[in-house]
């Protein structure tokens, strides 16, 4: 059903639209001014907005400017009693799909609404297609020079055509999502969505809704039903990153879903079924978490049909030269810098460094070096390595960021990698901790 928000300061017009459009099969809500409309749009999902131009407070054009900042904004149809050529041009310039002059025929409005809805759906599909094309292009980013990496890519090609579940293990920054992406690219589902969910990025109260969706009224602010990612990924692939961070209570529901493909939305009774391939990843030792009672052993065995363990970069240093060259080309082009290589001293530093942040850390360091470099080759002065390795690499005193990173690593070690406990000890919320972990290349 097409969801419509009618925004008009004239009460008779709102009443007319609220009465007549549902008879044509539409779901309609209304707002008397731009301020209320903007609040509704921020908390609800609409397919089409019927928008008056001249209103008190936020006028139609101003509201359009605010709405269009959101890439998922509804399609806008302007309805106005004071239409001029200038008004129409201004409305179309700011993203209106079409406009009608009051008074208008209801049948004409219905036709335009249906066309606007089809246009909006096509726009969303095109956006998804663009995202999928970008994701497919990342296959060339996988560098496999070492025997270990070549073996992993060989395994990826063997298992990709199957529907079997895969568990990818490895330290943070080793490229687990890239391997999951490669499995999807070589699978029979490669023309269908690849949806990723980071289990550490959501609170325990939100992750179930994100994964399985919820029904309208399931909890406060659940103003309408929401599709879960398992449903969005139907016939495609769902990547569950940091699976060890999934709350214990939700693990039983996930196991049930993996066994049958069936699930219920939060607050719903209807049993839904989808065909979704699941790939999971973790940087934790799941056997230790099982022993500590923090991860279900039956879920582990269900996920671990095929296991891929990615060795850390320090154990496959043959990959470093090609990875370095790749990142140098990438950021040289992105930043319009003519850096063509590394000095011998930098090459020696790279080969002797332990790379605790793995490939992600290498990429971050090279990006920074490209920004700082003023010569043809990146030299030692362009390279910045963390303070924890300063003596080995002759670095200066640690920065505040290095100290913060070291402190976070220490707390994570004390909590055995439990991000919920670590965030409590650090006196920050879990989302802030997650953003800092991403910033410092820890995950």
Protein backbone atom coordinates (compact mmCIF):
# COMPACT_ATOMS: atom_id res chain seq x y z
CA UNK A 1 0.00 0.00 0.00
CA UNK A 2 1.29 3.45 -0.97
CA UNK A 3 1.89 5.58 2.15
CA UNK A 4 1.05 9.27 1.69
CA UNK A 5 1.58 12.37 3.84
CA UNK A 6 -0.66 15.30 2.87
CA UNK A 7 0.74 18.66 4.02
CA UNK A 8 -1.62 21.62 3.70
CA UNK A 9 -2.64 24.47 6.02
CA UNK A 10 -6.22 24.38 4.68
CA UNK A 11 -8.23 22.01 6.86
CA UNK A 12 -10.99 21.29 4.24
CA UNK A 13 -8.36 20.10 1.75
CA UNK A 14 -6.72 17.83 4.34
CA UNK A 15 -10.12 16.41 5.27
CA UNK A 16 -10.96 15.81 1.60
CA UNK A 17 -7.68 13.97 0.95
CA UNK A 18 -8.01 11.93 4.15
CA UNK A 19 -11.50 10.85 3.07
CA UNK A 20 -11.06 10.22 -0.64
CA UNK A 21 -7.54 8.80 -1.07
CA UNK A 22 -8.07 5.75 1.22
CA UNK A 23 -11.01 4.84 -1.02
CA UNK A 24 -8.48 4.58 -3.84
CA UNK A 25 -6.33 2.16 -1.84
CA UNK A 26 -3.83 4.59 -0.29
CA UNK A 27 -2.75 4.97 3.34
CA UNK A 28 -2.95 8.68 4.24
CA UNK A 29 -1.80 10.88 7.12
CA UNK A 30 -1.90 14.67 7.20
CA UNK A 31 -0.06 17.65 8.67
CA UNK A 32 -1.29 21.28 8.92
CA UNK A 33 2.15 22.87 8.48
CA UNK A 34 5.77 22.22 7.56
CA UNK A 35 7.03 21.91 11.13
CA UNK A 36 4.70 19.05 12.03
CA UNK A 37 5.26 17.43 8.62
CA UNK A 38 9.03 17.41 9.12
CA UNK A 39 8.66 15.74 12.55
CA UNK A 40 6.40 13.08 11.02
CA UNK A 41 8.81 12.42 8.16
CA UNK A 42 11.70 11.97 10.62
CA UNK A 43 9.81 9.32 12.62
CA UNK A 44 7.72 7.59 9.93
CA UNK A 45 8.17 6.25 6.42
CA UNK A 46 6.17 7.67 3.53
CA UNK A 47 6.31 6.91 -0.18
CA UNK A 48 4.76 10.17 -1.41
CA UNK A 49 4.33 13.65 0.12
CA UNK A 50 1.55 15.90 -1.20
CA UNK A 51 2.90 19.34 -0.38
CA UNK A 52 1.36 22.80 -0.38
CA UNK A 53 3.81 25.63 -1.14
CA UNK A 54 2.38 28.62 0.75
CA UNK A 55 2.07 27.78 4.45
CA UNK A 56 2.82 29.55 7.74
CA UNK A 57 6.14 28.68 9.40
CA UNK A 58 8.20 26.42 7.16
CA UNK A 59 6.88 26.89 3.63
CA UNK A 60 6.77 24.15 1.02
CA UNK A 61 10.05 24.99 -0.70
CA UNK A 62 11.95 25.19 2.62
CA UNK A 63 10.49 21.84 3.68
CA UNK A 64 11.51 20.30 0.36
CA UNK A 65 15.10 21.45 0.89
CA UNK A 66 15.18 19.78 4.32
CA UNK A 67 13.53 16.57 3.09
CA UNK A 68 15.81 16.14 0.09
CA UNK A 69 18.91 15.99 2.33
CA UNK A 70 17.88 12.41 3.10
CA UNK A 71 18.75 9.99 0.25
CA UNK A 72 15.73 7.86 1.24
CA UNK A 73 13.34 10.83 1.10
CA UNK A 74 9.79 10.30 -0.20
CA UNK A 75 8.74 11.52 -3.63
CA UNK A 76 7.18 14.98 -3.53
CA UNK A 77 4.12 16.18 -5.46
CA UNK A 78 3.39 19.89 -5.11
CA UNK A 79 -0.25 20.95 -4.76
CA UNK A 80 -0.77 24.70 -4.84
CA UNK A 81 -3.47 27.22 -5.51
CA UNK A 82 -0.99 29.92 -6.45
CA UNK A 83 0.99 28.19 -9.17
CA UNK A 84 3.06 30.26 -11.54
CA UNK A 85 5.80 29.29 -13.95
CA UNK A 86 8.34 30.50 -11.39
CA UNK A 87 6.72 28.42 -8.62
CA UNK A 88 6.72 25.29 -10.76
CA UNK A 89 10.34 25.77 -11.83
CA UNK A 90 11.43 26.38 -8.23
CA UNK A 91 9.57 23.29 -7.02
CA UNK A 92 11.05 21.04 -9.71
CA UNK A 93 14.52 22.47 -9.11
CA UNK A 94 14.33 21.40 -5.46
CA UNK A 95 13.28 17.85 -6.26
CA UNK A 96 9.50 17.81 -6.79
CA UNK A 97 8.37 14.96 -9.03
CA UNK A 98 5.36 16.88 -10.38
CA UNK A 99 2.79 19.50 -9.40
CA UNK A 100 -0.96 20.12 -9.65
CA UNK A 101 -2.85 23.39 -9.43
CA UNK A 102 -5.84 23.68 -7.11
CA UNK A 103 -8.59 22.85 -7.76
CA UNK A 104 -7.62 19.55 -9.33
CA UNK A 105 -9.46 16.38 -10.32
CA UNK A 106 -9.09 13.47 -7.91
CA UNK A 107 -8.52 11.04 -10.79
CA UNK A 108 -5.63 13.19 -12.07
CA UNK A 109 -4.09 13.21 -8.60
CA UNK A 110 -4.39 9.41 -8.30
CA UNK A 111 -2.60 8.94 -11.63
CA UNK A 112 0.26 11.22 -10.58
CA UNK A 113 0.53 9.54 -7.16
CA UNK A 114 0.87 6.11 -8.78
CA UNK A 115 3.48 7.40 -11.21
CA UNK A 116 5.38 9.09 -8.38
CA UNK A 117 5.34 5.88 -6.35
CA UNK A 118 6.69 3.86 -9.30
CA UNK A 119 9.39 6.51 -9.81
CA UNK A 120 10.37 6.28 -6.13
CA UNK A 121 10.58 2.48 -6.24
CA UNK A 122 12.71 2.65 -9.39
CA UNK A 123 15.03 5.19 -7.73
CA UNK A 124 15.50 2.88 -4.74
CA UNK A 125 16.25 -0.07 -7.02
CA UNK A 126 18.79 1.99 -8.95
CA UNK A 127 20.46 3.04 -5.69
CA UNK A 128 20.65 -0.60 -4.59
CA UNK A 129 22.05 -1.57 -8.01
CA UNK A 130 24.74 1.12 -7.73
CA UNK A 131 25.70 -0.18 -4.29
CA UNK A 132 25.86 -3.74 -5.58
CA UNK A 133 28.01 -2.70 -8.55
CA UNK A 134 30.41 -0.88 -6.23
CA UNK A 135 30.58 -3.95 -4.01
CA UNK A 136 31.24 -6.25 -6.98
CA UNK A 137 34.13 -4.05 -8.07
CA UNK A 138 35.92 -4.71 -4.78
CA UNK A 139 36.85 -8.26 -5.83
CA UNK A 140 40.04 -6.95 -7.44
CA UNK A 141 41.05 -5.46 -4.08
CA UNK A 142 41.91 -8.88 -2.63
CA UNK A 143 45.67 -9.32 -2.72
CA UNK A 144 46.87 -12.91 -2.44
CA UNK A 145 50.64 -13.16 -2.78
CA UNK A 146 51.39 -15.40 0.20
CA UNK A 147 50.72 -19.17 0.16
CA UNK A 148 48.19 -18.72 3.00
CA UNK A 149 46.16 -16.12 1.10
CA UNK A 150 46.24 -18.12 -2.13
CA UNK A 151 44.96 -21.15 -0.25
CA UNK A 152 42.09 -19.13 1.22
CA UNK A 153 41.04 -17.75 -2.16
CA UNK A 154 41.14 -21.27 -3.63
CA UNK A 155 38.82 -22.42 -0.84
CA UNK A 156 36.53 -19.44 -1.44
CA UNK A 157 36.03 -20.46 -5.07
CA UNK A 158 35.21 -24.03 -4.06
CA UNK A 159 32.63 -23.22 -1.41
CA UNK A 160 31.06 -20.14 -3.02
CA UNK A 161 28.61 -22.00 -5.33
CA UNK A 162 27.14 -23.94 -2.38
CA UNK A 163 24.48 -22.70 0.05
CA UNK A 164 26.46 -23.81 3.10
CA UNK A 165 27.03 -21.52 6.05
CA UNK A 166 30.54 -20.18 6.54
CA UNK A 167 32.35 -19.02 9.68
CA UNK A 168 35.28 -16.67 9.06
CA UNK A 169 37.74 -16.18 11.90
CA UNK A 170 40.69 -13.86 12.21
CA UNK A 171 42.05 -10.84 14.02
CA UNK A 172 40.52 -7.40 13.51
CA UNK A 173 41.57 -5.84 10.22
CA UNK A 174 42.53 -9.06 8.43
CA UNK A 175 39.82 -8.68 5.78
CA UNK A 176 36.99 -10.95 6.95
CA UNK A 177 34.28 -8.91 5.24
CA UNK A 178 36.25 -8.90 1.98
CA UNK A 179 36.41 -12.70 2.09
CA UNK A 180 32.66 -12.84 2.78
CA UNK A 181 32.13 -10.49 -0.14
CA UNK A 182 34.29 -12.70 -2.38
CA UNK A 183 32.21 -15.75 -1.42
CA UNK A 184 29.07 -13.86 -2.41
CA UNK A 185 30.58 -12.65 -5.69
CA UNK A 186 31.45 -16.19 -6.76
CA UNK A 187 28.13 -17.65 -5.59
CA UNK A 188 24.90 -18.32 -7.45
CA UNK A 189 23.38 -15.49 -5.40
CA UNK A 190 25.72 -12.80 -6.72
CA UNK A 191 22.91 -10.98 -8.56
CA UNK A 192 20.96 -10.68 -5.31
CA UNK A 193 21.67 -8.55 -2.21
CA UNK A 194 24.67 -8.90 0.09
CA UNK A 195 23.54 -7.43 3.41
CA UNK A 196 25.98 -6.87 6.28
CA UNK A 197 25.11 -6.50 9.98
CA UNK A 198 27.73 -5.67 12.60
CA UNK A 199 26.45 -7.31 15.77
CA UNK A 200 28.58 -5.01 17.94
CA UNK A 201 27.09 -1.81 16.52
CA UNK A 202 23.65 -2.18 18.11
CA UNK A 203 22.38 -2.36 21.67
CA UNK A 204 20.82 -5.60 22.87
CA UNK A 205 17.37 -4.02 22.64
CA UNK A 206 17.79 -2.99 18.99
CA UNK A 207 19.69 -5.81 17.33
CA UNK A 208 16.73 -8.24 17.31
CA UNK A 209 14.58 -5.65 15.56
CA UNK A 210 17.39 -4.94 13.10
CA UNK A 211 17.83 -8.64 12.34
CA UNK A 212 14.24 -9.90 12.31
CA UNK A 213 12.22 -6.68 11.98
CA UNK A 214 9.29 -5.59 14.13
CA UNK A 215 5.55 -5.05 13.89
CA UNK A 216 3.83 -1.71 14.38
CA UNK A 217 3.46 -0.96 18.09
CA UNK A 218 5.95 -3.64 19.15
CA UNK A 219 7.69 -1.07 21.36
CA UNK A 220 7.88 2.69 21.93
CA UNK A 221 8.45 4.59 18.66
CA UNK A 222 7.59 1.50 16.57
CA UNK A 223 5.15 3.56 14.49
CA UNK A 224 5.04 1.08 11.65
CA UNK A 225 6.16 -2.39 10.69
CA UNK A 226 9.81 -2.77 9.72
CA UNK A 227 11.47 -5.42 7.55
CA UNK A 228 14.35 -7.25 9.18
CA UNK A 229 17.67 -7.78 7.39
CA UNK A 230 16.97 -11.50 7.06
CA UNK A 231 14.01 -10.52 4.89
CA UNK A 232 15.90 -7.85 2.95
CA UNK A 233 18.52 -10.51 2.16
CA UNK A 234 15.96 -13.09 0.99
CA UNK A 235 17.47 -15.21 -1.81
CA UNK A 236 20.73 -13.34 -1.19
CA UNK A 237 23.47 -13.39 1.46
CA UNK A 238 23.48 -12.08 5.04
CA UNK A 239 26.86 -11.32 6.61
CA UNK A 240 26.86 -11.30 10.42
CA UNK A 241 30.07 -9.58 11.46
CA UNK A 242 31.33 -9.81 15.06
CA UNK A 243 28.93 -12.68 15.74
CA UNK A 244 30.51 -13.20 19.18
CA UNK A 245 28.89 -9.92 20.27
CA UNK A 246 25.37 -11.22 19.64
CA UNK A 247 23.40 -11.25 22.93
CA UNK A 248 23.03 -14.72 24.42
CA UNK A 249 19.24 -14.47 24.51
CA UNK A 250 19.06 -13.73 20.78
CA UNK A 251 21.37 -16.61 19.87
CA UNK A 252 18.55 -19.13 20.34
CA UNK A 253 16.35 -17.23 17.86
CA UNK A 254 19.21 -17.07 15.38
CA UNK A 255 19.81 -20.82 15.72
CA UNK A 256 16.13 -21.49 15.06
CA UNK A 257 16.31 -19.31 11.97
CA UNK A 258 19.45 -21.04 10.68
CA UNK A 259 17.84 -24.46 11.12
CA UNK A 260 14.53 -23.66 9.42
CA UNK A 261 14.71 -20.30 7.66
CA UNK A 262 11.72 -19.30 9.80
CA UNK A 263 11.40 -16.35 12.17
CA UNK A 264 8.94 -13.92 13.75
CA UNK A 265 9.20 -10.16 13.76
CA UNK A 266 9.45 -8.54 17.18
CA UNK A 267 5.90 -8.15 18.49
CA UNK A 268 4.44 -10.44 15.81
CA UNK A 269 2.91 -13.93 15.82
CA UNK A 270 3.08 -14.72 12.12
CA UNK A 271 5.82 -17.17 11.14
CA UNK A 272 7.77 -15.89 8.11
CA UNK A 273 10.15 -17.90 5.93
CA UNK A 274 13.06 -16.74 3.78
CA UNK A 275 15.92 -18.35 1.88
CA UNK A 276 19.02 -16.51 3.03
CA UNK A 277 22.62 -17.74 3.05
CA UNK A 278 24.41 -16.74 6.24
CA UNK A 279 28.12 -15.98 6.56
CA UNK A 280 29.40 -15.10 10.02
CA UNK A 281 32.70 -13.66 11.19
CA UNK A 282 34.47 -13.07 14.48
CA UNK A 283 37.82 -11.97 15.87
CA UNK A 284 37.16 -13.84 19.14
CA UNK A 285 37.99 -17.38 20.24
CA UNK A 286 34.50 -18.90 20.25
CA UNK A 287 35.65 -22.03 22.08
CA UNK A 288 36.69 -19.85 25.03
CA UNK A 289 33.39 -17.96 24.93
CA UNK A 290 31.48 -21.25 24.91
CA UNK A 291 33.43 -22.41 27.97
CA UNK A 292 32.62 -19.09 29.68
CA UNK A 293 28.91 -19.50 28.91
CA UNK A 294 28.79 -16.48 26.61
CA UNK A 295 28.21 -18.30 23.32
CA UNK A 296 25.99 -21.29 22.54
CA UNK A 297 27.87 -24.37 21.42
CA UNK A 298 24.95 -25.52 19.22
CA UNK A 299 25.00 -22.17 17.39
CA UNK A 300 28.76 -22.48 16.92
CA UNK A 301 28.41 -25.94 15.36
CA UNK A 302 25.57 -24.72 13.11
CA UNK A 303 27.58 -21.75 11.85
CA UNK A 304 30.85 -23.65 11.52
CA UNK A 305 29.87 -25.81 8.54
CA UNK A 306 32.82 -24.38 6.64
CA UNK A 307 35.57 -22.60 8.53
CA UNK A 308 37.97 -20.05 7.06
CA UNK A 309 40.70 -18.76 9.36
CA UNK A 310 42.56 -15.71 8.06
CA UNK A 311 46.10 -15.47 9.45
CA UNK A 312 47.29 -12.07 10.73
CA UNK A 313 49.41 -9.94 8.43
CA UNK A 314 52.55 -10.60 10.49
CA UNK A 315 52.25 -14.28 9.51
CA UNK A 316 51.87 -13.58 5.80
CA UNK A 317 54.29 -10.78 5.15
CA UNK A 318 54.65 -11.82 1.53
CA UNK A 319 51.35 -9.93 1.02
CA UNK A 320 52.73 -6.62 2.33
CA UNK A 321 54.56 -5.39 -0.83
CA UNK A 322 51.56 -5.93 -3.11
CA UNK A 323 49.10 -4.59 -0.53
CA UNK A 324 51.27 -1.50 -0.03
CA UNK A 325 51.51 -0.90 -3.76
CA UNK A 326 47.75 -1.30 -4.12
CA UNK A 327 46.94 1.18 -1.34
CA UNK A 328 49.52 3.61 -2.71
CA UNK A 329 47.83 3.56 -6.13
CA UNK A 330 44.39 3.86 -4.53
CA UNK A 331 45.13 6.92 -2.41
CA UNK A 332 47.49 8.46 -4.92
CA UNK A 333 44.62 8.54 -7.42
CA UNK A 334 42.07 9.60 -4.81
CA UNK A 335 44.21 12.47 -3.51
CA UNK A 336 45.77 13.38 -6.89
CA UNK A 337 49.31 12.74 -5.61
CA UNK A 338 52.12 11.45 -7.84
CA UNK A 339 53.71 9.17 -5.26
CA UNK A 340 55.27 6.24 -7.09
CA UNK A 341 56.75 4.03 -4.36
CA UNK A 342 58.48 3.65 -1.00
CA UNK A 343 62.06 4.20 0.06
CA UNK A 344 64.09 1.14 1.07
CA UNK A 345 63.94 2.31 4.69
CA UNK A 346 60.13 2.29 4.64
CA UNK A 347 60.10 -1.15 3.05
CA UNK A 348 62.31 -2.41 5.89
CA UNK A 349 60.01 -0.82 8.51
CA UNK A 350 56.97 -2.47 6.95
CA UNK A 351 58.64 -5.86 6.90
CA UNK A 352 59.82 -5.69 10.54
CA UNK A 353 56.64 -4.22 12.04
CA UNK A 354 54.17 -6.63 13.69
CA UNK A 355 50.99 -4.99 12.30
CA UNK A 356 48.60 -5.47 15.26
CA UNK A 357 45.88 -3.74 13.21
CA UNK A 358 46.65 -5.93 10.19
CA UNK A 359 45.61 -4.88 6.67
CA UNK A 360 43.33 -2.09 7.92
CA UNK A 361 46.23 -0.56 9.83
CA UNK A 362 48.49 -0.80 6.79
CA UNK A 363 45.87 0.97 4.67
CA UNK A 364 45.38 3.76 7.23
CA UNK A 365 49.13 4.36 7.53
CA UNK A 366 49.61 4.52 3.76
CA UNK A 367 46.65 6.88 3.34
CA UNK A 368 48.18 9.24 5.91
CA UNK A 369 51.61 8.91 4.29
CA UNK A 370 50.23 9.84 0.86
CA UNK A 371 48.65 12.95 2.38
CA UNK A 372 51.90 14.01 4.07
CA UNK A 373 54.36 13.06 1.34
CA UNK A 374 55.83 15.92 -0.69
CA UNK A 375 58.24 13.86 -2.77
CA UNK A 376 58.02 11.12 -5.36
CA UNK A 377 58.56 8.32 -2.85
CA UNK A 378 57.16 7.86 0.62
CA UNK A 379 59.94 8.11 3.19
CA UNK A 380 60.38 7.33 6.86
CA UNK A 381 59.21 10.80 7.95
CA UNK A 382 55.87 10.22 6.20
CA UNK A 383 55.18 7.04 8.17
CA UNK A 384 53.53 7.12 11.58
CA UNK A 385 53.37 3.94 13.65
CA UNK A 386 51.63 3.57 17.05
CA UNK A 387 53.51 4.32 20.26
CA UNK A 388 53.28 0.73 21.44
CA UNK A 389 55.96 -0.05 18.84
CA UNK A 390 57.85 3.24 19.10
CA UNK A 391 61.14 1.80 20.38
CA UNK A 392 61.25 -0.79 17.65
CA UNK A 393 60.57 1.80 14.98
CA UNK A 394 62.42 4.80 16.54
CA UNK A 395 59.26 6.86 16.95
CA UNK A 396 58.77 9.95 19.10
CA UNK A 397 56.66 10.36 22.24
CA UNK A 398 53.12 8.95 21.99
CA UNK A 399 50.29 11.27 21.00
CA UNK A 400 47.04 11.59 22.94
CA UNK A 401 45.34 9.43 20.32
CA UNK A 402 48.01 6.74 20.74
CA UNK A 403 47.53 6.86 24.50
CA UNK A 404 43.75 6.58 24.15
CA UNK A 405 44.13 3.65 21.76
CA UNK A 406 46.53 1.87 24.14
CA UNK A 407 44.15 2.42 27.05
CA UNK A 408 41.20 1.02 25.09
CA UNK A 409 43.27 -2.03 24.09
CA UNK A 410 44.24 -2.57 27.73
CA UNK A 411 40.61 -2.40 28.92
CA UNK A 412 39.51 -4.77 26.13
CA UNK A 413 42.19 -7.20 27.23
CA UNK A 414 40.97 -6.99 30.84
CA UNK A 415 37.37 -7.69 29.75
CA UNK A 416 38.39 -10.53 27.41
CA UNK A 417 37.19 -8.48 24.45
CA UNK A 418 33.68 -7.91 25.83
CA UNK A 419 32.72 -4.53 24.37
CA UNK A 420 29.72 -4.04 26.68
CA UNK A 421 31.89 -4.41 29.79
CA UNK A 422 34.68 -2.35 28.25
CA UNK A 423 32.33 0.54 27.46
CA UNK A 424 31.15 0.51 31.09
CA UNK A 425 34.72 0.57 32.41
CA UNK A 426 35.60 3.41 30.03
CA UNK A 427 32.42 5.28 31.01
CA UNK A 428 31.28 5.68 27.42
CA UNK A 429 28.33 4.15 25.61
CA UNK A 430 28.80 1.11 23.41
CA UNK A 431 28.29 2.99 20.14
CA UNK A 432 31.01 5.51 21.06
CA UNK A 433 33.38 2.65 21.87
CA UNK A 434 32.58 1.00 18.54
CA UNK A 435 33.34 4.22 16.64
CA UNK A 436 36.67 4.58 18.47
CA UNK A 437 37.56 0.95 17.67
CA UNK A 438 36.88 1.64 14.00
CA UNK A 439 38.85 4.90 14.14
CA UNK A 440 41.95 3.24 15.56
CA UNK A 441 41.74 0.19 13.27
CA UNK A 442 41.13 -2.18 16.21
CA UNK A 443 38.14 -3.75 14.44
